[in-house]
C-alpha atoms as a PDB file:
ATOM      1  CA  UNK A   1      20.345   1.647   3.447  1.00  0.00           C
ATOM      2  CA  UNK A   2      23.199   1.112   1.047  1.00  0.00           C
ATOM      3  CA  UNK A   3      25.338  -0.763   3.637  1.00  0.00           C
ATOM      4  CA  UNK A   4      22.377  -3.010   4.470  1.00  0.00           C
ATOM      5  CA  UNK A   5      21.063  -3.672   1.011  1.00  0.00           C
ATOM      6  CA  UNK A   6      23.543  -2.121  -1.466  1.00  0.00           C
ATOM      7  CA  UNK A   7      23.950   0.816  -3.637  1.00  0.00           C
ATOM      8  CA  UNK A   8      20.720   0.024  -5.554  1.00  0.00           C
ATOM      9  CA  UNK A   9      18.847   1.085  -2.583  1.00  0.00           C
ATOM     10  CA  UNK A  10      20.716   4.546  -2.073  1.00  0.00           C
ATOM     11  CA  UNK A  11      17.744   6.543  -3.260  1.00  0.00           C
ATOM     12  CA  UNK A  12      15.526   4.811  -0.330  1.00  0.00           C
ATOM     13  CA  UNK A  13      17.642   6.696   2.400  1.00  0.00           C
ATOM     14  CA  UNK A  14      16.041  10.120   2.076  1.00  0.00           C
ATOM     15  CA  UNK A  15      12.530   8.605   1.990  1.00  0.00           C
ATOM     16  CA  UNK A  16      13.153   6.624   5.117  1.00  0.00           C
ATOM     17  CA  UNK A  17      14.129   9.982   6.838  1.00  0.00           C
ATOM     18  CA  UNK A  18      10.736  11.427   5.622  1.00  0.00           C
ATOM     19  CA  UNK A  19       8.588   8.574   6.545  1.00  0.00           C
ATOM     20  CA  UNK A  20      10.341   7.966  10.061  1.00  0.00           C
ATOM     21  CA  UNK A  21       7.900   9.979  12.038  1.00  0.00           C
ATOM     22  CA  UNK A  22       5.025   7.991  10.496  1.00  0.00           C
ATOM     23  CA  UNK A  23       6.094   4.921  12.612  1.00  0.00           C
ATOM     24  CA  UNK A  24       4.645   6.581  15.723  1.00  0.00           C
ATOM     25  CA  UNK A  25       1.414   7.477  14.088  1.00  0.00           C
ATOM     26  CA  UNK A  26       1.251   3.933  12.604  1.00  0.00           C
ATOM     27  CA  UNK A  27       1.559   2.770  16.401  1.00  0.00           C
ATOM     28  CA  UNK A  28      -1.388   4.858  17.437  1.00  0.00           C
ATOM     29  CA  UNK A  29      -3.398   4.224  14.215  1.00  0.00           C
ATOM     30  CA  UNK A  30      -2.964   0.381  14.816  1.00  0.00           C
ATOM     31  CA  UNK A  31      -4.350   1.009  18.315  1.00  0.00           C
ATOM     32  CA  UNK A  32      -7.364   2.692  17.051  1.00  0.00           C
ATOM     33  CA  UNK A  33      -8.111  -0.180  14.584  1.00  0.00           C
ATOM     34  CA  UNK A  34      -7.985  -2.602  17.382  1.00  0.00           C
ATOM     35  CA  UNK A  35      -9.927  -0.412  19.803  1.00  0.00           C
ATOM     36  CA  UNK A  36     -12.729   0.139  17.473  1.00  0.00           C
ATOM     37  CA  UNK A  37     -12.957  -3.374  16.343  1.00  0.00           C
ATOM     38  CA  UNK A  38     -13.097  -4.739  19.913  1.00  0.00           C
ATOM     39  CA  UNK A  39     -15.796  -2.282  20.642  1.00  0.00           C
ATOM     40  CA  UNK A  40     -17.875  -3.397  17.571  1.00  0.00           C
ATOM     41  CA  UNK A  41     -17.306  -0.289  15.672  1.00  0.00           C
ATOM     42  CA  UNK A  42     -15.660  -1.374  12.476  1.00  0.00           C
ATOM     43  CA  UNK A  43     -17.825   1.122  10.450  1.00  0.00           C
ATOM     44  CA  UNK A  44     -16.454   3.813  12.317  1.00  0.00           C
ATOM     45  CA  UNK A  45     -12.931   2.744  11.597  1.00  0.00           C
ATOM     46  CA  UNK A  46     -13.912   2.339   7.930  1.00  0.00           C
ATOM     47  CA  UNK A  47     -14.734   5.960   7.851  1.00  0.00           C
ATOM     48  CA  UNK A  48     -11.463   6.945   9.345  1.00  0.00           C
ATOM     49  CA  UNK A  49      -9.625   4.704   6.852  1.00  0.00           C
ATOM     50  CA  UNK A  50     -11.667   6.391   3.842  1.00  0.00           C
ATOM     51  CA  UNK A  51     -10.832   9.939   5.024  1.00  0.00           C
ATOM     52  CA  UNK A  52      -7.050   8.720   5.275  1.00  0.00           C
ATOM     53  CA  UNK A  53      -7.143   7.174   1.778  1.00  0.00           C
ATOM     54  CA  UNK A  54      -8.993  10.361   0.281  1.00  0.00           C
ATOM     55  CA  UNK A  55      -6.318  12.514   2.110  1.00  0.00           C
ATOM     56  CA  UNK A  56      -3.556  10.588   0.694  1.00  0.00           C
ATOM     57  CA  UNK A  57      -4.864  10.436  -2.927  1.00  0.00           C
ATOM     58  CA  UNK A  58      -5.423  14.122  -2.807  1.00  0.00           C
ATOM     59  CA  UNK A  59      -1.933  14.826  -1.370  1.00  0.00           C
ATOM     60  CA  UNK A  60      -0.418  12.622  -3.829  1.00  0.00           C
ATOM     61  CA  UNK A  61      -1.981  14.422  -6.727  1.00  0.00           C
ATOM     62  CA  UNK A  62      -0.739  17.838  -5.165  1.00  0.00           C
ATOM     63  CA  UNK A  63       2.687  16.798  -4.081  1.00  0.00           C
ATOM     64  CA  UNK A  64       4.103  14.106  -6.641  1.00  0.00           C
ATOM     65  CA  UNK A  65       4.071  16.567  -9.499  1.00  0.00           C
ATOM     66  CA  UNK A  66       6.073  18.984  -7.400  1.00  0.00           C
ATOM     67  CA  UNK A  67       8.314  16.903  -5.334  1.00  0.00           C
ATOM     68  CA  UNK A  68       8.379  13.533  -7.138  1.00  0.00           C
ATOM     69  CA  UNK A  69       8.620  10.413  -5.010  1.00  0.00           C
ATOM     70  CA  UNK A  70       9.471  12.469  -1.859  1.00  0.00           C
ATOM     71  CA  UNK A  71       6.055  13.994  -2.292  1.00  0.00           C
ATOM     72  CA  UNK A  72       4.544  10.601  -1.900  1.00  0.00           C
ATOM     73  CA  UNK A  73       6.468  10.084   1.438  1.00  0.00           C
ATOM     74  CA  UNK A  74       5.298  13.433   2.676  1.00  0.00           C
ATOM     75  CA  UNK A  75       1.713  12.714   1.647  1.00  0.00           C
ATOM     76  CA  UNK A  76       1.872   9.204   3.525  1.00  0.00           C
ATOM     77  CA  UNK A  77       3.010  10.854   6.694  1.00  0.00           C
ATOM     78  CA  UNK A  78       0.423  13.687   6.502  1.00  0.00           C
ATOM     79  CA  UNK A  79      -2.306  11.233   5.787  1.00  0.00           C
ATOM     80  CA  UNK A  80      -1.299   9.029   8.871  1.00  0.00           C
ATOM     81  CA  UNK A  81      -1.558  12.225  10.838  1.00  0.00           C
ATOM     82  CA  UNK A  82      -4.986  12.900   9.365  1.00  0.00           C
ATOM     83  CA  UNK A  83      -6.240   9.291  10.373  1.00  0.00           C
ATOM     84  CA  UNK A  84      -4.914   9.990  13.828  1.00  0.00           C
ATOM     85  CA  UNK A  85      -6.757  13.377  14.242  1.00  0.00           C
ATOM     86  CA  UNK A  86     -10.044  12.117  12.543  1.00  0.00           C
ATOM     87  CA  UNK A  87      -9.903   8.914  14.970  1.00  0.00           C
ATOM     88  CA  UNK A  88      -9.329  10.999  18.084  1.00  0.00           C
ATOM     89  CA  UNK A  89     -12.195  13.341  16.790  1.00  0.00           C
ATOM     90  CA  UNK A  90     -14.640  10.519  16.192  1.00  0.00           C
ATOM     91  CA  UNK A  91     -13.962   8.723  19.576  1.00  0.00           C
ATOM     92  CA  UNK A  92     -14.579  12.122  21.194  1.00  0.00           C
ATOM     93  CA  UNK A  93     -17.973  12.677  19.379  1.00  0.00           C
ATOM     94  CA  UNK A  94     -19.023   9.256  20.674  1.00  0.00           C
ATOM     95  CA  UNK A  95     -18.404  10.151  24.066  1.00  0.00           C
ATOM     96  CA  UNK A  96     -14.852   8.731  24.560  1.00  0.00           C
ATOM     97  CA  UNK A  97     -13.042  11.653  26.282  1.00  0.00           C
ATOM     98  CA  UNK A  98     -10.093  10.567  28.082  1.00  0.00           C
ATOM     99  CA  UNK A  99      -6.496  11.532  28.757  1.00  0.00           C
ATOM    100  CA  UNK A 100      -4.795   9.752  25.925  1.00  0.00           C
ATOM    101  CA  UNK A 101      -1.551  10.283  27.613  1.00  0.00           C
ATOM    102  CA  UNK A 102      -2.611   8.476  30.714  1.00  0.00           C
ATOM    103  CA  UNK A 103      -4.142   5.694  28.554  1.00  0.00           C
ATOM    104  CA  UNK A 104      -0.881   5.082  26.238  1.00  0.00           C
ATOM    105  CA  UNK A 105       1.718   5.725  28.722  1.00  0.00           C
ATOM    106  CA  UNK A 106       2.185   1.985  29.409  1.00  0.00           C
ATOM    107  CA  UNK A 107       2.345   1.038  25.800  1.00  0.00           C
ATOM    108  CA  UNK A 108       4.480   3.806  24.786  1.00  0.00           C
ATOM    109  CA  UNK A 109       6.829   3.033  27.742  1.00  0.00           C
ATOM    110  CA  UNK A 110       7.140  -0.480  26.308  1.00  0.00           C
ATOM    111  CA  UNK A 111       7.661   0.353  22.866  1.00  0.00           C
ATOM    112  CA  UNK A 112      10.229   3.261  22.969  1.00  0.00           C
ATOM    113  CA  UNK A 113      13.216   1.354  24.562  1.00  0.00           C
ATOM    114  CA  UNK A 114      12.567  -1.317  21.794  1.00  0.00           C
ATOM    115  CA  UNK A 115      12.174   1.179  19.045  1.00  0.00           C
ATOM    116  CA  UNK A 116      15.480   2.950  20.089  1.00  0.00           C
ATOM    117  CA  UNK A 117      17.277  -0.650  19.357  1.00  0.00           C
ATOM    118  CA  UNK A 118      16.161  -0.319  15.932  1.00  0.00           C
ATOM    119  CA  UNK A 119      18.370   2.750  15.338  1.00  0.00           C
ATOM    120  CA  UNK A 120      21.510   0.872  16.009  1.00  0.00           C
ATOM    121  CA  UNK A 121      21.447  -0.730  12.332  1.00  0.00           C
ATOM    122  CA  UNK A 122      21.461   2.822  10.769  1.00  0.00           C
ATOM    123  CA  UNK A 123      24.717   3.493  12.375  1.00  0.00           C
ATOM    124  CA  UNK A 124      26.181   0.279  12.065  1.00  0.00           C
ATOM    125  CA  UNK A 125      25.018  -0.393   8.578  1.00  0.00           C
ATOM    126  CA  UNK A 126      25.137  -4.263   8.415  1.00  0.00           C
ATOM    127  CA  UNK A 127      22.846  -6.974   7.922  1.00  0.00           C
ATOM    128  CA  UNK A 128      23.823  -8.593  11.161  1.00  0.00           C
ATOM    129  CA  UNK A 129      23.166  -5.378  13.151  1.00  0.00           C
ATOM    130  CA  UNK A 130      19.598  -5.343  11.333  1.00  0.00           C
ATOM    131  CA  UNK A 131      18.928  -8.987  12.268  1.00  0.00           C
ATOM    132  CA  UNK A 132      20.118  -8.590  15.797  1.00  0.00           C
ATOM    133  CA  UNK A 133      17.911  -5.261  16.293  1.00  0.00           C
ATOM    134  CA  UNK A 134      14.903  -6.889  14.867  1.00  0.00           C
ATOM    135  CA  UNK A 135      15.007  -9.773  17.178  1.00  0.00           C
ATOM    136  CA  UNK A 136      15.933  -7.493  20.010  1.00  0.00           C
ATOM    137  CA  UNK A 137      13.044  -5.343  19.251  1.00  0.00           C
ATOM    138  CA  UNK A 138      10.617  -8.084  19.864  1.00  0.00           C
ATOM    139  CA  UNK A 139      12.349  -9.105  23.102  1.00  0.00           C
ATOM    140  CA  UNK A 140      12.504  -5.581  24.498  1.00  0.00           C
ATOM    141  CA  UNK A 141       8.932  -4.751  23.665  1.00  0.00           C
ATOM    142  CA  UNK A 142       7.773  -8.057  25.357  1.00  0.00           C
ATOM    143  CA  UNK A 143       9.877  -7.352  28.414  1.00  0.00           C
ATOM    144  CA  UNK A 144       8.727  -3.506  28.434  1.00  0.00           C
ATOM    145  CA  UNK A 145       5.044  -4.747  28.096  1.00  0.00           C
ATOM    146  CA  UNK A 146       5.565  -7.108  31.134  1.00  0.00           C
ATOM    147  CA  UNK A 147       7.242  -4.372  33.162  1.00  0.00           C
ATOM    148  CA  UNK A 148       4.750  -1.773  32.419  1.00  0.00           C
ATOM    149  CA  UNK A 149       1.623  -3.968  32.414  1.00  0.00           C
ATOM    150  CA  UNK A 150       0.389  -2.772  29.016  1.00  0.00           C
ATOM    151  CA  UNK A 151      -2.485  -3.035  28.460  1.00  0.00           C
ATOM    152  CA  UNK A 152      -4.439  -3.681  31.580  1.00  0.00           C
ATOM    153  CA  UNK A 153      -7.774  -5.448  31.600  1.00  0.00           C
ATOM    154  CA  UNK A 154      -9.516  -2.589  33.393  1.00  0.00           C
ATOM    155  CA  UNK A 155      -8.139   0.116  30.843  1.00  0.00           C
ATOM    156  CA  UNK A 156      -9.933  -1.823  28.042  1.00  0.00           C
ATOM    157  CA  UNK A 157     -13.091  -2.123  30.476  1.00  0.00           C
ATOM    158  CA  UNK A 158     -13.079   1.723  30.925  1.00  0.00           C
ATOM    159  CA  UNK A 159     -12.787   2.220  27.141  1.00  0.00           C
ATOM    160  CA  UNK A 160     -15.951  -0.063  26.576  1.00  0.00           C
ATOM    161  CA  UNK A 161     -17.884   1.747  29.161  1.00  0.00           C
ATOM    162  CA  UNK A 162     -16.993   5.192  27.972  1.00  0.00           C
ATOM    163  CA  UNK A 163     -18.096   4.305  24.486  1.00  0.00           C
ATOM    164  CA  UNK A 164     -21.455   2.856  25.647  1.00  0.00           C
ATOM    165  CA  UNK A 165     -22.487   6.093  27.072  1.00  0.00           C
END
């Protein structure tokens, strides 16, 4: 962080290391938002989000007094994990039992090469590297999505059918 934004942001570096794993969870949780919305199950996602918010609040109350602001970062990561688990459980209860690896292989295949490009600015430490990596992420993601065919129309149709049962 300091090479990109100056020494005023030096304390943010450890927090970014803690919250880094949450990026993957945010990707999946974003998928659930759109999936449930597309299927007309906004209330179900609202329940998932309420559990995540309650979990985050409870963990914040427990961890911040002990760990300080890194406790808030840990709480955020654990809350995203909680949202992921609850969403998977909710979908399974409603009849959507699927191999999520099979379903998400193509989107993950599209995003991983692009996400790896975002690691470059961490080592280069320049604003130029950050800007190039951000633009490159978009290009690589679209290219990866095109190559992998993510998402396919029949995948979305299969999800709709599974939830109608």
